[in-house]
Amino acid sequence: DSDLPIMQEAIDILEGMDIQIEVD
C-alpha cells in the first residue's frame, strides 16, 4: 500500500477516460 501514492496517477488517468479498473 506504500506504492499507492505513485499508482494513483494511473488510477486517475484511467478513471478520467471512463475505463473500468480493479485495484489490489
PDB file of all heavy atoms in Angstrom:
ATOM      1  N   ASP A   1       0.814  -1.209   0.000  1.00  0.00           N
ATOM      2  CA  ASP A   1       0.000   0.000   0.000  1.00  0.00           C
ATOM      3  C   ASP A   1       0.856   1.270   0.000  1.00  0.00           C
ATOM      4  O   ASP A   1       0.371   2.345  -0.331  1.00  0.00           O
ATOM      5  CB  ASP A   1      -1.009   0.009   1.140  1.00  0.00           C
ATOM      6  CG  ASP A   1      -0.383  -0.030   2.523  1.00  0.00           C
ATOM      7  OD1 ASP A   1       0.837  -0.243   2.652  1.00  0.00           O
ATOM      8  OD2 ASP A   1      -1.137   0.139   3.504  1.00  0.00           O
ATOM      9  N   SER A   2       2.129   1.151   0.316  1.00  0.00           N
ATOM     10  CA  SER A   2       3.019   2.316   0.228  1.00  0.00           C
ATOM     11  C   SER A   2       3.236   2.742  -1.223  1.00  0.00           C
ATOM     12  O   SER A   2       3.676   3.862  -1.482  1.00  0.00           O
ATOM     13  CB  SER A   2       4.366   2.031   0.909  1.00  0.00           C
ATOM     14  OG  SER A   2       5.064   1.007   0.233  1.00  0.00           O
ATOM     15  N   ASP A   3       2.911   1.876  -2.185  1.00  0.00           N
ATOM     16  CA  ASP A   3       3.025   2.199  -3.610  1.00  0.00           C
ATOM     17  C   ASP A   3       1.820   2.989  -4.131  1.00  0.00           C
ATOM     18  O   ASP A   3       1.868   3.532  -5.230  1.00  0.00           O
ATOM     19  CB  ASP A   3       3.162   0.923  -4.451  1.00  0.00           C
ATOM     20  CG  ASP A   3       4.395   0.110  -4.105  1.00  0.00           C
ATOM     21  OD1 ASP A   3       5.393   0.708  -3.640  1.00  0.00           O
ATOM     22  OD2 ASP A   3       4.360  -1.127  -4.281  1.00  0.00           O
ATOM     23  N   LEU A   4       0.752   3.052  -3.342  1.00  0.00           N
ATOM     24  CA  LEU A   4      -0.493   3.671  -3.808  1.00  0.00           C
ATOM     25  C   LEU A   4      -0.339   5.135  -4.228  1.00  0.00           C
ATOM     26  O   LEU A   4      -0.910   5.522  -5.257  1.00  0.00           O
ATOM     27  CB  LEU A   4      -1.604   3.525  -2.773  1.00  0.00           C
ATOM     28  CG  LEU A   4      -2.979   4.043  -3.201  1.00  0.00           C
ATOM     29  CD1 LEU A   4      -3.454   3.371  -4.487  1.00  0.00           C
ATOM     30  CD2 LEU A   4      -3.991   3.845  -2.086  1.00  0.00           C
ATOM     31  N   PRO A   5       0.407   5.981  -3.503  1.00  0.00           N
ATOM     32  CA  PRO A   5       0.520   7.363  -3.969  1.00  0.00           C
ATOM     33  C   PRO A   5       1.075   7.479  -5.399  1.00  0.00           C
ATOM     34  O   PRO A   5       0.647   8.352  -6.159  1.00  0.00           O
ATOM     35  CB  PRO A   5       1.470   8.011  -2.954  1.00  0.00           C
ATOM     36  CG  PRO A   5       1.268   7.207  -1.702  1.00  0.00           C
ATOM     37  CD  PRO A   5       1.043   5.793  -2.190  1.00  0.00           C
ATOM     38  N   ILE A   6       1.982   6.609  -5.774  1.00  0.00           N
ATOM     39  CA  ILE A   6       2.511   6.601  -7.148  1.00  0.00           C
ATOM     40  C   ILE A   6       1.469   6.013  -8.098  1.00  0.00           C
ATOM     41  O   ILE A   6       1.161   6.598  -9.143  1.00  0.00           O
ATOM     42  CB  ILE A   6       3.824   5.795  -7.230  1.00  0.00           C
ATOM     43  CG1 ILE A   6       4.919   6.431  -6.378  1.00  0.00           C
ATOM     44  CG2 ILE A   6       4.273   5.626  -8.690  1.00  0.00           C
ATOM     45  CD1 ILE A   6       5.304   7.836  -6.772  1.00  0.00           C
ATOM     46  N   MET A   7       0.904   4.883  -7.744  1.00  0.00           N
ATOM     47  CA  MET A   7      -0.038   4.189  -8.623  1.00  0.00           C
ATOM     48  C   MET A   7      -1.341   4.962  -8.808  1.00  0.00           C
ATOM     49  O   MET A   7      -2.068   4.733  -9.781  1.00  0.00           O
ATOM     50  CB  MET A   7      -0.300   2.778  -8.097  1.00  0.00           C
ATOM     51  CG  MET A   7       0.960   1.918  -8.005  1.00  0.00           C
ATOM     52  SD  MET A   7       1.869   1.787  -9.559  1.00  0.00           S
ATOM     53  CE  MET A   7       0.751   0.731 -10.466  1.00  0.00           C
ATOM     54  N   GLN A   8      -1.622   5.892  -7.910  1.00  0.00           N
ATOM     55  CA  GLN A   8      -2.829   6.707  -8.019  1.00  0.00           C
ATOM     56  C   GLN A   8      -2.866   7.475  -9.337  1.00  0.00           C
ATOM     57  O   GLN A   8      -3.941   7.731  -9.880  1.00  0.00           O
ATOM     58  CB  GLN A   8      -2.917   7.674  -6.830  1.00  0.00           C
ATOM     59  CG  GLN A   8      -4.215   8.458  -6.773  1.00  0.00           C
ATOM     60  CD  GLN A   8      -5.422   7.571  -6.523  1.00  0.00           C
ATOM     61  OE1 GLN A   8      -5.417   6.718  -5.636  1.00  0.00           O
ATOM     62  NE2 GLN A   8      -6.468   7.769  -7.310  1.00  0.00           N
ATOM     63  N   GLU A   9      -1.702   7.807  -9.868  1.00  0.00           N
ATOM     64  CA  GLU A   9      -1.665   8.532 -11.145  1.00  0.00           C
ATOM     65  C   GLU A   9      -2.237   7.691 -12.286  1.00  0.00           C
ATOM     66  O   GLU A   9      -2.923   8.217 -13.167  1.00  0.00           O
ATOM     67  CB  GLU A   9      -0.250   8.980 -11.464  1.00  0.00           C
ATOM     68  CG  GLU A   9       0.271  10.034 -10.506  1.00  0.00           C
ATOM     69  CD  GLU A   9       1.644  10.554 -10.882  1.00  0.00           C
ATOM     70  OE1 GLU A   9       2.163  10.202 -11.962  1.00  0.00           O
ATOM     71  OE2 GLU A   9       2.203  11.323 -10.088  1.00  0.00           O
ATOM     72  N   ALA A  10      -1.996   6.391 -12.280  1.00  0.00           N
ATOM     73  CA  ALA A  10      -2.591   5.505 -13.290  1.00  0.00           C
ATOM     74  C   ALA A  10      -4.095   5.396 -13.064  1.00  0.00           C
ATOM     75  O   ALA A  10      -4.881   5.427 -14.023  1.00  0.00           O
ATOM     76  CB  ALA A  10      -1.947   4.123 -13.243  1.00  0.00           C
ATOM     77  N   ILE A  11      -4.485   5.279 -11.809  1.00  0.00           N
ATOM     78  CA  ILE A  11      -5.910   5.213 -11.464  1.00  0.00           C
ATOM     79  C   ILE A  11      -6.619   6.458 -11.982  1.00  0.00           C
ATOM     80  O   ILE A  11      -7.674   6.365 -12.626  1.00  0.00           O
ATOM     81  CB  ILE A  11      -6.082   5.061  -9.940  1.00  0.00           C
ATOM     82  CG1 ILE A  11      -5.546   3.704  -9.473  1.00  0.00           C
ATOM     83  CG2 ILE A  11      -7.537   5.255  -9.530  1.00  0.00           C
ATOM     84  CD1 ILE A  11      -5.379   3.570  -7.960  1.00  0.00           C
ATOM     85  N   ASP A  12      -6.046   7.630 -11.720  1.00  0.00           N
ATOM     86  CA  ASP A  12      -6.676   8.883 -12.127  1.00  0.00           C
ATOM     87  C   ASP A  12      -6.818   8.995 -13.642  1.00  0.00           C
ATOM     88  O   ASP A  12      -7.867   9.416 -14.143  1.00  0.00           O
ATOM     89  CB  ASP A  12      -5.870  10.074 -11.592  1.00  0.00           C
ATOM     90  CG  ASP A  12      -5.906  10.180 -10.076  1.00  0.00           C
ATOM     91  OD1 ASP A  12      -6.765   9.544  -9.427  1.00  0.00           O
ATOM     92  OD2 ASP A  12      -5.048  10.912  -9.520  1.00  0.00           O
ATOM     93  N   ILE A  13      -5.774   8.622 -14.377  1.00  0.00           N
ATOM     94  CA  ILE A  13      -5.829   8.678 -15.849  1.00  0.00           C
ATOM     95  C   ILE A  13      -6.945   7.774 -16.368  1.00  0.00           C
ATOM     96  O   ILE A  13      -7.762   8.180 -17.199  1.00  0.00           O
ATOM     97  CB  ILE A  13      -4.476   8.264 -16.473  1.00  0.00           C
ATOM     98  CG1 ILE A  13      -3.453   9.395 -16.334  1.00  0.00           C
ATOM     99  CG2 ILE A  13      -4.617   7.836 -17.934  1.00  0.00           C
ATOM    100  CD1 ILE A  13      -3.685  10.595 -17.234  1.00  0.00           C
ATOM    101  N   LEU A  14      -6.983   6.539 -15.887  1.00  0.00           N
ATOM    102  CA  LEU A  14      -7.966   5.581 -16.401  1.00  0.00           C
ATOM    103  C   LEU A  14      -9.391   5.961 -15.995  1.00  0.00           C
ATOM    104  O   LEU A  14     -10.308   5.857 -16.809  1.00  0.00           O
ATOM    105  CB  LEU A  14      -7.599   4.170 -15.935  1.00  0.00           C
ATOM    106  CG  LEU A  14      -6.292   3.659 -16.553  1.00  0.00           C
ATOM    107  CD1 LEU A  14      -5.777   2.441 -15.810  1.00  0.00           C
ATOM    108  CD2 LEU A  14      -6.477   3.359 -18.032  1.00  0.00           C
ATOM    109  N   GLU A  15      -9.566   6.416 -14.770  1.00  0.00           N
ATOM    110  CA  GLU A  15     -10.900   6.866 -14.357  1.00  0.00           C
ATOM    111  C   GLU A  15     -11.330   8.076 -15.172  1.00  0.00           C
ATOM    112  O   GLU A  15     -12.503   8.198 -15.535  1.00  0.00           O
ATOM    113  CB  GLU A  15     -10.923   7.186 -12.865  1.00  0.00           C
ATOM    114  CG  GLU A  15     -10.919   5.936 -11.999  1.00  0.00           C
ATOM    115  CD  GLU A  15     -10.938   6.241 -10.504  1.00  0.00           C
ATOM    116  OE1 GLU A  15     -10.576   7.371 -10.100  1.00  0.00           O
ATOM    117  OE2 GLU A  15     -11.310   5.321  -9.740  1.00  0.00           O
ATOM    118  N   GLY A  16     -10.380   8.957 -15.505  1.00  0.00           N
ATOM    119  CA  GLY A  16     -10.683  10.131 -16.317  1.00  0.00           C
ATOM    120  C   GLY A  16     -11.118   9.777 -17.733  1.00  0.00           C
ATOM    121  O   GLY A  16     -11.774  10.581 -18.397  1.00  0.00           O
ATOM    122  N   MET A  17     -10.746   8.590 -18.179  1.00  0.00           N
ATOM    123  CA  MET A  17     -11.156   8.121 -19.510  1.00  0.00           C
ATOM    124  C   MET A  17     -12.307   7.117 -19.424  1.00  0.00           C
ATOM    125  O   MET A  17     -12.617   6.440 -20.400  1.00  0.00           O
ATOM    126  CB  MET A  17      -9.957   7.515 -20.236  1.00  0.00           C
ATOM    127  CG  MET A  17      -8.909   8.539 -20.539  1.00  0.00           C
ATOM    128  SD  MET A  17      -7.645   7.887 -21.628  1.00  0.00           S
ATOM    129  CE  MET A  17      -6.480   9.235 -21.608  1.00  0.00           C
ATOM    130  N   ASP A  18     -12.906   7.024 -18.241  1.00  0.00           N
ATOM    131  CA  ASP A  18     -14.046   6.122 -18.002  1.00  0.00           C
ATOM    132  C   ASP A  18     -13.719   4.669 -18.304  1.00  0.00           C
ATOM    133  O   ASP A  18     -14.565   3.916 -18.804  1.00  0.00           O
ATOM    134  CB  ASP A  18     -15.275   6.568 -18.806  1.00  0.00           C
ATOM    135  CG  ASP A  18     -15.759   7.948 -18.393  1.00  0.00           C
ATOM    136  OD1 ASP A  18     -15.782   8.238 -17.183  1.00  0.00           O
ATOM    137  OD2 ASP A  18     -16.089   8.751 -19.290  1.00  0.00           O
ATOM    138  N   ILE A  19     -12.483   4.273 -18.008  1.00  0.00           N
ATOM    139  CA  ILE A  19     -12.087   2.880 -18.169  1.00  0.00           C
ATOM    140  C   ILE A  19     -12.207   2.206 -16.807  1.00  0.00           C
ATOM    141  O   ILE A  19     -11.654   2.688 -15.817  1.00  0.00           O
ATOM    142  CB  ILE A  19     -10.643   2.776 -18.713  1.00  0.00           C
ATOM    143  CG1 ILE A  19     -10.576   3.383 -20.118  1.00  0.00           C
ATOM    144  CG2 ILE A  19     -10.166   1.315 -18.709  1.00  0.00           C
ATOM    145  CD1 ILE A  19      -9.168   3.511 -20.674  1.00  0.00           C
ATOM    146  N   GLN A  20     -12.929   1.118 -16.782  1.00  0.00           N
ATOM    147  CA  GLN A  20     -13.134   0.395 -15.528  1.00  0.00           C
ATOM    148  C   GLN A  20     -11.810  -0.173 -15.027  1.00  0.00           C
ATOM    149  O   GLN A  20     -11.004  -0.693 -15.812  1.00  0.00           O
ATOM    150  CB  GLN A  20     -14.143  -0.739 -15.750  1.00  0.00           C
ATOM    151  CG  GLN A  20     -14.557  -1.439 -14.486  1.00  0.00           C
ATOM    152  CD  GLN A  20     -15.590  -2.525 -14.749  1.00  0.00           C
ATOM    153  OE1 GLN A  20     -16.003  -2.780 -15.879  1.00  0.00           O
ATOM    154  NE2 GLN A  20     -16.017  -3.177 -13.685  1.00  0.00           N
ATOM    155  N   ILE A  21     -11.598  -0.079 -13.725  1.00  0.00           N
ATOM    156  CA  ILE A  21     -10.361  -0.577 -13.137  1.00  0.00           C
ATOM    157  C   ILE A  21     -10.665  -1.489 -11.957  1.00  0.00           C
ATOM    158  O   ILE A  21     -11.747  -1.447 -11.372  1.00  0.00           O
ATOM    159  CB  ILE A  21      -9.426   0.568 -12.677  1.00  0.00           C
ATOM    160  CG1 ILE A  21     -10.114   1.438 -11.624  1.00  0.00           C
ATOM    161  CG2 ILE A  21      -8.940   1.377 -13.855  1.00  0.00           C
ATOM    162  CD1 ILE A  21      -9.186   2.433 -10.956  1.00  0.00           C
ATOM    163  N   GLU A  22      -9.675  -2.302 -11.644  1.00  0.00           N
ATOM    164  CA  GLU A  22      -9.686  -3.144 -10.452  1.00  0.00           C
ATOM    165  C   GLU A  22      -8.335  -2.887  -9.783  1.00  0.00           C
ATOM    166  O   GLU A  22      -7.300  -3.019 -10.427  1.00  0.00           O
ATOM    167  CB  GLU A  22      -9.824  -4.605 -10.873  1.00  0.00           C
ATOM    168  CG  GLU A  22      -9.634  -5.600  -9.753  1.00  0.00           C
ATOM    169  CD  GLU A  22      -9.662  -7.029 -10.271  1.00  0.00           C
ATOM    170  OE1 GLU A  22     -10.764  -7.560 -10.482  1.00  0.00           O
ATOM    171  OE2 GLU A  22      -8.564  -7.595 -10.478  1.00  0.00           O
ATOM    172  N   VAL A  23      -8.329  -2.494  -8.526  1.00  0.00           N
ATOM    173  CA  VAL A  23      -7.097  -2.161  -7.813  1.00  0.00           C
ATOM    174  C   VAL A  23      -6.923  -3.123  -6.648  1.00  0.00           C
ATOM    175  O   VAL A  23      -7.873  -3.392  -5.910  1.00  0.00           O
ATOM    176  CB  VAL A  23      -7.132  -0.704  -7.289  1.00  0.00           C
ATOM    177  CG1 VAL A  23      -5.840  -0.355  -6.569  1.00  0.00           C
ATOM    178  CG2 VAL A  23      -7.391   0.276  -8.433  1.00  0.00           C
ATOM    179  N   ASP A  24      -5.693  -3.646  -6.496  1.00  0.00           N
ATOM    180  CA  ASP A  24      -5.446  -4.586  -5.400  1.00  0.00           C
ATOM    181  C   ASP A  24      -3.962  -4.577  -5.035  1.00  0.00           C
ATOM    182  O   ASP A  24      -3.121  -4.087  -5.790  1.00  0.00           O
ATOM    183  CB  ASP A  24      -5.873  -5.999  -5.799  1.00  0.00           C
ATOM    184  CG  ASP A  24      -6.161  -6.903  -4.602  1.00  0.00           C
ATOM    185  OD1 ASP A  24      -5.960  -6.471  -3.444  1.00  0.00           O
ATOM    186  OD2 ASP A  24      -6.585  -8.048  -4.834  1.00  0.00           O
TER     187      ASP A  24
END
